[in-house]
Amino acid sequence: MTVVWTDERVEELKRLWGEGLTTGEIGKALGVSKNAVVGKAHRLGLKGRPSPIKRAKQTKPKQEPKIRSVIDLSAHTCRWPIGDPREPGFHFCGKPAIPAKPYCPEHAAVAYVSSSSRGSNKDEDAA
C-alpha cells in the first residue's frame, strides 16, 4: 500500500509529532501504519524521541523496602523473615497475606509443598 503524503498530511504529522504522540497514535489519526509514520518522520529529519516503554521504566522511582519489625505486623501481613535475626536489617516481608495464612502468595509458594509433589519423592526417600 502506497501512502500519499500531501502537504496537509505532512504538516499534521509534524504537529502531532511535536505534541509527543506515539507513532501508533499519529498513524491512527492520519489513517496510516505506524511504520509509515516512522519512515516519513525519518525522511523529514524529525528529531527522534525515546521509546515510551523505556521512558516509563526510567521514570519509576526506586522504592527502598520498608523495614518491618514484629510490631509492624498484623494478622493480614506476611510474616516471612528476611535476613538473619542476629544481623542489622533483619525484617519481615509485610506484604498482604493470603487470608487465614501467615504469608503472602510469593512466600506461601515456598513455605507450603503440596502432597502430590511430596509423593513423587517417595522412591528417592526409600533408597
Protein backbone atom coordinates (compact mmCIF):
# COMPACT_ATOMS: atom_id res chain seq x y z
CA MET A 1 0.00 0.00 0.00
CA THR A 2 1.43 3.33 -1.04
CA VAL A 3 0.76 6.27 1.25
CA VAL A 4 0.19 9.62 -0.40
CA TRP A 5 1.83 12.29 1.72
CA THR A 6 0.08 15.53 0.86
CA ASP A 7 1.34 18.82 2.25
CA GLU A 8 -1.57 18.82 4.71
CA ARG A 9 -0.78 15.30 5.96
CA VAL A 10 2.91 16.18 6.37
CA GLU A 11 2.01 19.29 8.39
CA GLU A 12 -0.38 17.24 10.56
CA LEU A 13 2.35 14.63 11.08
CA LYS A 14 4.78 17.35 12.18
CA ARG A 15 2.20 18.88 14.52
CA LEU A 16 1.29 15.55 16.16
CA TRP A 17 4.97 14.57 16.36
CA GLY A 18 5.70 17.85 18.13
CA GLU A 19 2.90 17.19 20.61
CA GLY A 20 4.63 13.96 21.60
CA LEU A 21 2.04 11.48 20.35
CA THR A 22 3.28 7.94 19.73
CA THR A 23 3.82 6.78 16.17
CA GLY A 24 0.82 4.47 16.56
CA GLU A 25 -1.42 7.33 17.67
CA ILE A 26 -0.21 9.51 14.80
CA GLY A 27 -0.81 6.66 12.36
CA LYS A 28 -4.38 6.22 13.56
CA ALA A 29 -5.05 9.95 13.26
CA LEU A 30 -3.68 10.01 9.72
CA GLY A 31 -5.07 6.65 8.64
CA VAL A 32 -1.65 5.09 8.00
CA SER A 33 0.52 2.48 9.69
CA LYS A 34 2.92 3.44 12.44
CA ASN A 35 5.76 2.24 10.19
CA ALA A 36 4.65 4.74 7.54
CA VAL A 37 4.82 7.45 10.20
CA VAL A 38 8.29 6.34 11.32
CA GLY A 39 9.55 6.27 7.74
CA LYS A 40 8.17 9.69 6.86
CA ALA A 41 9.44 11.23 10.11
CA HIS A 42 12.89 9.85 9.34
CA ARG A 43 12.83 11.20 5.78
CA LEU A 44 11.69 14.60 7.08
CA GLY A 45 14.54 14.59 9.58
CA LEU A 46 12.22 14.98 12.58
CA LYS A 47 14.02 14.68 15.87
CA GLY A 48 13.90 11.16 17.30
CA ARG A 49 12.26 10.54 20.63
CA PRO A 50 12.96 7.96 23.32
CA SER A 51 10.79 4.87 23.38
CA PRO A 52 7.67 5.34 25.54
CA ILE A 53 8.36 1.91 27.03
CA LYS A 54 11.88 2.82 28.10
CA ARG A 55 10.70 6.24 29.25
CA ALA A 56 8.07 4.66 31.52
CA LYS A 57 10.65 2.35 33.07
CA GLN A 58 13.08 5.20 33.71
CA THR A 59 10.52 7.40 35.46
CA LYS A 60 9.70 4.80 38.09
CA PRO A 61 11.43 5.82 41.29
CA LYS A 62 13.18 3.03 43.10
CA GLN A 63 11.44 2.39 46.38
CA GLU A 64 13.51 1.36 49.33
CA PRO A 65 11.92 -1.59 51.11
CA LYS A 66 10.33 -0.61 54.39
CA ILE A 67 11.96 -2.43 57.25
CA ARG A 68 9.14 -4.14 59.12
CA SER A 69 9.56 -5.34 62.66
CA VAL A 70 7.29 -7.69 64.61
CA ILE A 71 5.49 -4.62 65.94
CA ASP A 72 4.52 -3.55 62.39
CA LEU A 73 2.92 -6.91 61.52
CA SER A 74 -0.72 -7.90 61.81
CA ALA A 75 -2.79 -10.98 61.03
CA HIS A 76 -3.14 -9.63 57.50
CA THR A 77 0.56 -9.12 56.69
CA CYS A 78 3.19 -11.61 55.56
CA ARG A 79 5.40 -12.76 58.40
CA TRP A 80 8.16 -14.26 56.24
CA PRO A 81 11.51 -13.45 57.87
CA ILE A 82 14.11 -11.81 55.65
CA GLY A 83 17.74 -11.93 56.67
CA ASP A 84 19.49 -13.15 59.79
CA PRO A 85 17.82 -12.14 63.07
CA ARG A 86 21.28 -11.54 64.54
CA GLU A 87 22.20 -9.05 61.79
CA PRO A 88 21.16 -5.43 61.29
CA GLY A 89 18.48 -5.05 58.64
CA PHE A 90 16.59 -8.20 59.63
CA HIS A 91 12.89 -7.70 58.91
CA PHE A 92 9.68 -9.37 57.79
CA CYS A 93 8.10 -9.24 54.34
CA GLY A 94 4.96 -7.32 55.38
CA LYS A 95 3.10 -7.67 52.06
CA PRO A 96 -0.62 -8.53 52.24
CA ALA A 97 -1.04 -12.13 53.40
CA ILE A 98 -3.32 -14.80 51.97
CA PRO A 99 -6.49 -14.95 54.11
CA ALA A 100 -6.03 -17.42 57.01
CA LYS A 101 -2.31 -17.86 56.16
CA PRO A 102 0.73 -16.13 57.63
CA TYR A 103 2.40 -15.49 54.25
CA CYS A 104 1.87 -13.57 51.01
CA PRO A 105 1.34 -15.63 47.83
CA GLU A 106 5.05 -15.49 46.92
CA HIS A 107 6.25 -16.81 50.27
CA ALA A 108 3.37 -19.28 50.66
CA ALA A 109 4.55 -20.92 47.43
CA VAL A 110 7.91 -21.51 49.10
CA ALA A 111 6.56 -22.47 52.52
CA TYR A 112 3.86 -24.93 51.52
CA VAL A 113 4.62 -28.04 49.47
CA SER A 114 1.63 -29.86 48.01
CA SER A 115 1.16 -33.52 48.92
CA SER A 116 1.36 -34.54 45.25
CA SER A 117 4.90 -33.19 44.92
CA ARG A 118 5.92 -34.86 48.20
CA GLY A 119 4.56 -38.19 46.97
CA SER A 120 6.77 -38.08 43.88
CA ASN A 121 9.86 -38.29 46.09
CA LYS A 122 8.85 -41.50 47.92
CA ASP A 123 11.12 -43.66 45.76
CA GLU A 124 14.06 -41.35 46.39
CA ASP A 125 13.45 -41.35 50.17
CA ALA A 126 13.32 -45.17 50.27
CA ALA A 127 16.70 -45.53 48.54
